[in-house]
Amino acid sequence: MMKTWAFLLFIACFSGATQAASFNCERAQTSTEKAVCEHRIVNDADVKMATSYTILRKLVPIQTRSLIQEEQIKWLQLRDQCQDNLNCLVDVYKMRQQKIDLHLNRIYKAQTF
């Protein structure tokens, strides 16, 4: 029984990038979305950024959420300009993660949670 669970967990974790991105890769339409799904480094960055963004939105006051969401929309527009350029995608994901981490660190230091 334990081997069966371990096998299923292995399959779930390594079944490919199509399930790993923060969006459904089977529905990827743009060259950017396809590149995010195709390249593990960007795929992982997408999952990390999306998770951090979700956490951040839950930690900030409701008035601040719209500002955070506007930042995210602008960032998505910037990301989409990369199209399938892997170096560009890596850079914009790194930049966005740093910005989200900065917000999270400010919250942590202010102990507003």
Protein backbone atom coordinates (compact mmCIF):
# COMPACT_ATOMS: atom_id res chain seq x y z
CA MET A 1 0.00 0.00 0.00
CA MET A 2 2.79 2.44 0.91
CA LYS A 3 4.61 1.68 -2.35
CA THR A 4 1.44 2.49 -4.29
CA TRP A 5 1.14 5.90 -2.61
CA ALA A 6 4.83 6.60 -3.18
CA PHE A 7 4.46 5.71 -6.85
CA LEU A 8 1.38 7.92 -7.25
CA LEU A 9 3.18 10.79 -5.55
CA PHE A 10 6.15 10.30 -7.87
CA ILE A 11 3.88 10.33 -10.92
CA ALA A 12 2.08 13.46 -9.70
CA CYS A 13 5.33 15.32 -9.07
CA PHE A 14 7.05 14.34 -12.29
CA SER A 15 4.21 14.07 -14.75
CA GLY A 16 5.61 17.00 -16.68
CA ALA A 17 5.31 20.73 -16.80
CA THR A 18 1.77 20.68 -18.17
CA GLN A 19 0.40 20.62 -14.64
CA ALA A 20 3.06 22.63 -12.84
CA ALA A 21 2.54 26.20 -14.06
CA SER A 22 0.14 28.49 -12.23
CA PHE A 23 -2.20 28.11 -15.19
CA ASN A 24 -3.37 25.16 -17.28
CA CYS A 25 -0.64 24.53 -19.83
CA GLU A 26 -3.02 22.52 -21.99
CA ARG A 27 -4.82 25.81 -22.62
CA ALA A 28 -1.67 27.86 -23.25
CA GLN A 29 -2.30 30.07 -26.27
CA THR A 30 0.40 32.73 -26.47
CA SER A 31 4.05 32.09 -27.21
CA THR A 32 4.81 33.37 -23.70
CA GLU A 33 2.44 30.91 -22.04
CA LYS A 34 3.83 28.06 -24.14
CA ALA A 35 7.41 29.04 -23.22
CA VAL A 36 6.51 29.14 -19.51
CA CYS A 37 5.13 25.61 -19.81
CA GLU A 38 8.01 24.35 -21.93
CA HIS A 39 10.96 25.55 -19.83
CA ARG A 40 11.23 24.13 -16.33
CA ILE A 41 13.17 27.10 -14.93
CA VAL A 42 10.44 29.55 -15.97
CA ASN A 43 7.69 27.12 -15.03
CA ASP A 44 9.08 26.83 -11.50
CA ALA A 45 9.48 30.61 -11.28
CA ASP A 46 5.86 31.01 -12.36
CA VAL A 47 4.61 28.68 -9.64
CA LYS A 48 6.74 30.38 -6.98
CA MET A 49 5.69 33.87 -8.07
CA ALA A 50 1.99 32.95 -8.26
CA THR A 51 2.11 31.39 -4.79
CA SER A 52 3.92 34.40 -3.32
CA TYR A 53 1.47 36.75 -5.03
CA THR A 54 -1.51 34.87 -3.59
CA ILE A 55 -0.02 35.00 -0.09
CA LEU A 56 0.76 38.70 -0.45
CA ARG A 57 -2.78 39.53 -1.52
CA LYS A 58 -4.13 37.79 1.56
CA LEU A 59 -1.79 39.68 3.91
CA VAL A 60 -2.34 43.23 2.77
CA PRO A 61 -5.30 45.41 3.76
CA ILE A 62 -8.17 45.42 1.28
CA GLN A 63 -7.30 48.96 0.13
CA THR A 64 -3.81 47.80 -0.86
CA ARG A 65 -4.99 44.73 -2.78
CA SER A 66 -6.04 46.77 -5.80
CA LEU A 67 -2.56 48.33 -5.96
CA ILE A 68 -0.92 44.90 -5.76
CA GLN A 69 -3.29 43.63 -8.44
CA GLU A 70 -2.49 46.60 -10.71
CA GLU A 71 1.23 45.84 -10.29
CA GLN A 72 0.56 42.24 -11.27
CA ILE A 73 -1.40 43.23 -14.38
CA LYS A 74 1.38 45.58 -15.50
CA TRP A 75 3.93 42.86 -14.83
CA LEU A 76 1.94 40.34 -16.89
CA GLN A 77 1.94 42.81 -19.79
CA LEU A 78 5.71 43.16 -19.45
CA ARG A 79 6.13 39.38 -19.23
CA ASP A 80 4.07 38.87 -22.36
CA GLN A 81 6.42 41.15 -24.30
CA CYS A 82 9.11 38.51 -23.81
CA GLN A 83 7.14 36.09 -25.96
CA ASP A 84 9.31 32.94 -26.07
CA ASN A 85 12.64 34.59 -25.16
CA LEU A 86 13.87 32.44 -22.28
CA ASN A 87 16.42 34.96 -20.94
CA CYS A 88 13.82 37.71 -20.92
CA LEU A 89 11.31 35.48 -19.12
CA VAL A 90 13.84 34.47 -16.49
CA ASP A 91 14.69 38.14 -15.90
CA VAL A 92 11.09 39.37 -15.61
CA TYR A 93 10.13 36.53 -13.27
CA LYS A 94 13.16 37.28 -11.11
CA MET A 95 12.25 40.97 -11.07
CA ARG A 96 8.63 40.27 -10.07
CA GLN A 97 9.63 37.79 -7.37
CA GLN A 98 12.01 40.36 -5.90
CA LYS A 99 9.23 42.97 -5.82
CA ILE A 100 6.80 40.57 -4.14
CA ASP A 101 9.49 39.51 -1.66
CA LEU A 102 10.09 43.19 -0.86
CA HIS A 103 6.38 43.64 -0.07
CA LEU A 104 6.37 40.48 2.05
CA ASN A 105 9.48 41.57 3.96
CA ARG A 106 7.89 44.94 4.72
CA ILE A 107 4.83 43.17 6.11
CA TYR A 108 7.03 40.84 8.15
CA LYS A 109 9.07 43.70 9.60
CA ALA A 110 5.92 45.66 10.43
CA GLN A 111 4.41 42.54 11.99
CA THR A 112 1.03 43.41 10.56
CA PHE A 113 -0.10 39.80 10.42
